Each structure stands twice: as structure tokens, then as C-alpha cells.
Amino acid sequence: MNNFLTEQDIEKMKKEIEYRKVVVRKKRNEEVKEARAHGDLSENYEYKAAKRERGRNEGRIKYLERMIKTANIIEDNTSEDEVGLGKRVTINFIEDEFSMEYEIVTTMSTDAANNKISIESPLGKAIYNHRVGDIVEIDSPDGKYEVKIEKIERI
């Protein structure tokens, strides 16, 4: 899978990787070493917890490195009046007669719980480059539906 990321996203990830390798890795290794010194490893909860945390850190490093490796570097060339990265969009779900506000972001910043949708999502992909007043058909796993773009603002 390729991820659509900006140069800024890549830089943030590289900084996090560096921090995790230099600071967090050292701390987690010390925690494992200290817990190991407490004796019997078969019943040593601190040792198991320290190893689990070390594994989580290493997993996060691998995840970020994989995202960078598979990234499609993008630039947002949309005009101020078009749906694009870093913009807040209010859309009306025509059939259900309700409106929602979404922030359009890259893969790295997606957070559905906070209405941050990726330009790779079915909704994000469909409304990208559209303007206020446009009615857009969305293909989703639950079928097709239409939305009307009501408002666009730069964040």
C-alpha cells in the first residue's frame, strides 16, 4: 500500500524515528535490563512488561519506516475555493439531510474520531478538488450516496 504524504509528514516521521531510536530505545533497554536483574524471569511481571514496551517501540519504528518507504510524496495544488489538504469542509449528506464537518488530511494524520479524513478514503477521494455547491457521488462499501459541499475553509 502506498501512502499519500507531504514532505512535512515525512520530516515529522523521521524526527519521531530518530527520537525513538536514540531516546526511547535506550530507555526501554535499560528497563528490560533492570527488570531482568530482579531474578526469576518466569514470574517477573516487570520483565515481561518492559519487553512488551520495548517491542511496541520497535514496532512503531518499523511502521514509520515502512510508511516512508511506501510513501507517495504529494503537494496540494488546490486553489482556496477547492477541497484540499489542510482544509475544513462542511458537507451535507443529501439523502439523510444532515451536515458534517471534516478536516482533509494525509494518511499520517487520519483520525476518524475527530473527523480528520484522509484524501485516500472514499469520501476524501471523491470530494477532493471540488468546490462549494458541487454535488458529489460517493462510492462506499455500503453503496453509493451523494453529498453537497457547503463550506470550505483553510485551517
Protein backbone atom coordinates (compact mmCIF):
# COMPACT_ATOMS: atom_id res chain seq x y z
CA MET A 1 0.00 0.00 0.00
CA ASN A 2 1.26 3.45 -0.89
CA ASN A 3 0.62 6.30 1.48
CA PHE A 4 -0.04 9.84 0.29
CA LEU A 5 2.18 12.05 2.44
CA THR A 6 3.60 15.54 2.28
CA GLU A 7 7.26 16.40 2.77
CA GLN A 8 6.26 17.77 6.20
CA ASP A 9 4.72 14.40 7.14
CA ILE A 10 7.94 12.64 6.12
CA GLU A 11 10.04 15.05 8.22
CA LYS A 12 7.78 14.52 11.28
CA MET A 13 8.13 10.76 10.90
CA LYS A 14 11.90 10.95 10.52
CA LYS A 15 12.12 13.03 13.70
CA GLU A 16 9.94 10.54 15.58
CA ILE A 17 12.05 7.62 14.32
CA GLU A 18 15.24 9.36 15.44
CA TYR A 19 13.75 10.12 18.87
CA ARG A 20 12.55 6.54 19.29
CA LYS A 21 15.92 5.11 18.25
CA VAL A 22 18.06 7.42 20.37
CA VAL A 23 15.95 8.17 23.45
CA VAL A 24 13.13 5.66 23.78
CA ARG A 25 15.13 2.60 22.67
CA LYS A 26 17.83 3.33 25.25
CA LYS A 27 15.24 3.83 27.99
CA ARG A 28 13.36 0.60 27.10
CA ASN A 29 16.60 -1.41 27.01
CA GLU A 30 17.53 -0.06 30.45
CA GLU A 31 14.09 -1.03 31.77
CA VAL A 32 14.50 -4.58 30.45
CA LYS A 33 17.99 -4.81 31.92
CA GLU A 34 16.81 -3.54 35.31
CA ALA A 35 13.78 -5.88 35.39
CA ARG A 36 15.97 -8.85 34.39
CA ALA A 37 18.15 -8.16 37.42
CA HIS A 38 15.17 -8.78 39.73
CA GLY A 39 15.53 -12.51 39.42
CA ASP A 40 13.26 -15.34 38.23
CA LEU A 41 12.15 -14.30 34.73
CA SER A 42 9.28 -16.80 34.52
CA GLU A 43 7.29 -14.92 37.18
CA ASN A 44 8.73 -11.46 36.68
CA TYR A 45 5.92 -9.19 35.52
CA GLU A 46 8.19 -6.14 35.28
CA TYR A 47 10.46 -8.01 32.86
CA LYS A 48 7.54 -9.08 30.64
CA ALA A 49 6.08 -5.56 30.68
CA ALA A 50 9.45 -3.98 29.87
CA LYS A 51 9.95 -6.38 26.95
CA ARG A 52 6.44 -5.66 25.68
CA GLU A 53 7.09 -1.89 25.77
CA ARG A 54 10.42 -2.37 24.01
CA GLY A 55 8.61 -4.38 21.33
CA ARG A 56 5.99 -1.66 20.89
CA ASN A 57 8.69 0.92 20.35
CA GLU A 58 10.46 -1.26 17.78
CA GLY A 59 7.13 -1.93 16.07
CA ARG A 60 6.39 1.79 15.83
CA ILE A 61 9.84 2.41 14.33
CA LYS A 62 9.27 -0.30 11.69
CA TYR A 63 5.78 1.05 10.95
CA LEU A 64 7.07 4.59 10.38
CA GLU A 65 9.99 3.38 8.25
CA ARG A 66 7.58 1.32 6.13
CA MET A 67 5.27 4.34 5.69
CA ILE A 68 8.20 6.45 4.49
CA LYS A 69 9.41 3.71 2.16
CA THR A 70 5.99 3.29 0.51
CA ALA A 71 5.04 6.99 0.50
CA ASN A 72 3.81 8.88 -2.50
CA ILE A 73 5.01 12.42 -1.89
CA ILE A 74 2.25 14.85 -2.75
CA GLU A 75 1.75 18.57 -2.87
CA ASP A 76 -1.63 20.18 -2.52
CA ASN A 77 -2.15 22.32 -5.60
CA THR A 78 -5.81 23.09 -4.95
CA SER A 79 -6.99 26.69 -5.01
CA GLU A 80 -8.51 28.38 -1.95
CA ASP A 81 -12.04 27.55 -3.10
CA GLU A 82 -11.38 23.83 -3.72
CA VAL A 83 -11.40 20.93 -1.27
CA GLY A 84 -7.79 20.05 -0.48
CA LEU A 85 -5.26 19.18 2.20
CA GLY A 86 -5.35 21.27 5.34
CA LYS A 87 -8.89 22.48 4.76
CA ARG A 88 -12.06 22.07 6.80
CA VAL A 89 -15.02 21.09 4.68
CA THR A 90 -18.70 21.08 5.61
CA ILE A 91 -20.67 18.60 3.56
CA ASN A 92 -24.36 17.80 3.52
CA PHE A 93 -25.40 14.18 3.20
CA ILE A 94 -28.32 14.79 0.87
CA GLU A 95 -30.33 11.60 1.47
CA ASP A 96 -30.05 11.83 5.27
CA GLU A 97 -30.42 15.63 5.39
CA PHE A 98 -27.61 16.32 7.83
CA SER A 99 -24.27 18.09 7.62
CA MET A 100 -20.85 17.15 8.94
CA GLU A 101 -17.57 19.00 9.11
CA TYR A 102 -14.36 17.19 8.11
CA GLU A 103 -10.70 18.08 8.03
CA ILE A 104 -8.89 16.82 4.92
CA VAL A 105 -5.51 15.31 5.87
CA THR A 106 -2.85 12.85 4.69
CA THR A 107 -2.57 9.23 5.77
CA MET A 108 -0.37 10.10 8.72
CA SER A 109 -2.92 12.44 10.30
CA THR A 110 -6.11 10.45 9.76
CA ASP A 111 -8.28 10.38 12.88
CA ALA A 112 -11.88 9.36 12.21
CA ALA A 113 -12.92 10.02 15.82
CA ASN A 114 -12.00 13.69 15.33
CA ASN A 115 -13.40 13.94 11.77
CA LYS A 116 -9.97 14.02 10.13
CA ILE A 117 -10.29 12.07 6.90
CA SER A 118 -7.56 11.08 4.51
CA ILE A 119 -7.57 12.02 0.87
CA GLU A 120 -7.28 8.26 0.33
CA SER A 121 -10.64 7.48 1.96
CA PRO A 122 -13.67 7.03 -0.34
CA LEU A 123 -15.17 10.33 0.86
CA GLY A 124 -11.86 12.23 0.80
CA LYS A 125 -11.01 10.95 -2.67
CA ALA A 126 -14.42 11.85 -4.06
CA ILE A 127 -14.66 15.42 -2.73
CA TYR A 128 -11.01 16.38 -3.39
CA ASN A 129 -10.74 19.29 -5.87
CA HIS A 130 -14.48 20.07 -5.71
CA ARG A 131 -15.99 23.46 -4.85
CA VAL A 132 -18.82 24.82 -2.70
CA GLY A 133 -22.14 23.89 -4.26
CA ASP A 134 -20.83 20.77 -6.02
CA ILE A 135 -22.83 17.59 -5.57
CA VAL A 136 -20.55 14.57 -5.48
CA GLU A 137 -21.41 10.88 -5.68
CA ILE A 138 -19.51 8.72 -3.21
CA ASP A 139 -18.82 5.00 -3.74
CA SER A 140 -18.63 3.29 -0.36
CA PRO A 141 -18.76 -0.31 0.85
CA ASP A 142 -22.39 0.36 1.85
CA GLY A 143 -23.35 1.62 -1.59
CA LYS A 144 -23.48 4.96 -3.36
CA TYR A 145 -24.66 8.21 -1.81
CA GLU A 146 -24.49 11.90 -2.64
CA VAL A 147 -23.07 14.83 -0.71
CA LYS A 148 -23.18 18.55 -1.35
CA ILE A 149 -20.18 20.67 -0.43
CA GLU A 150 -21.46 23.57 1.71
CA LYS A 151 -18.34 25.29 3.02
CA ILE A 152 -14.53 25.16 2.61
CA GLU A 153 -12.05 26.93 4.87
CA ARG A 154 -8.29 26.74 5.29
CA ILE A 155 -7.26 25.55 8.73
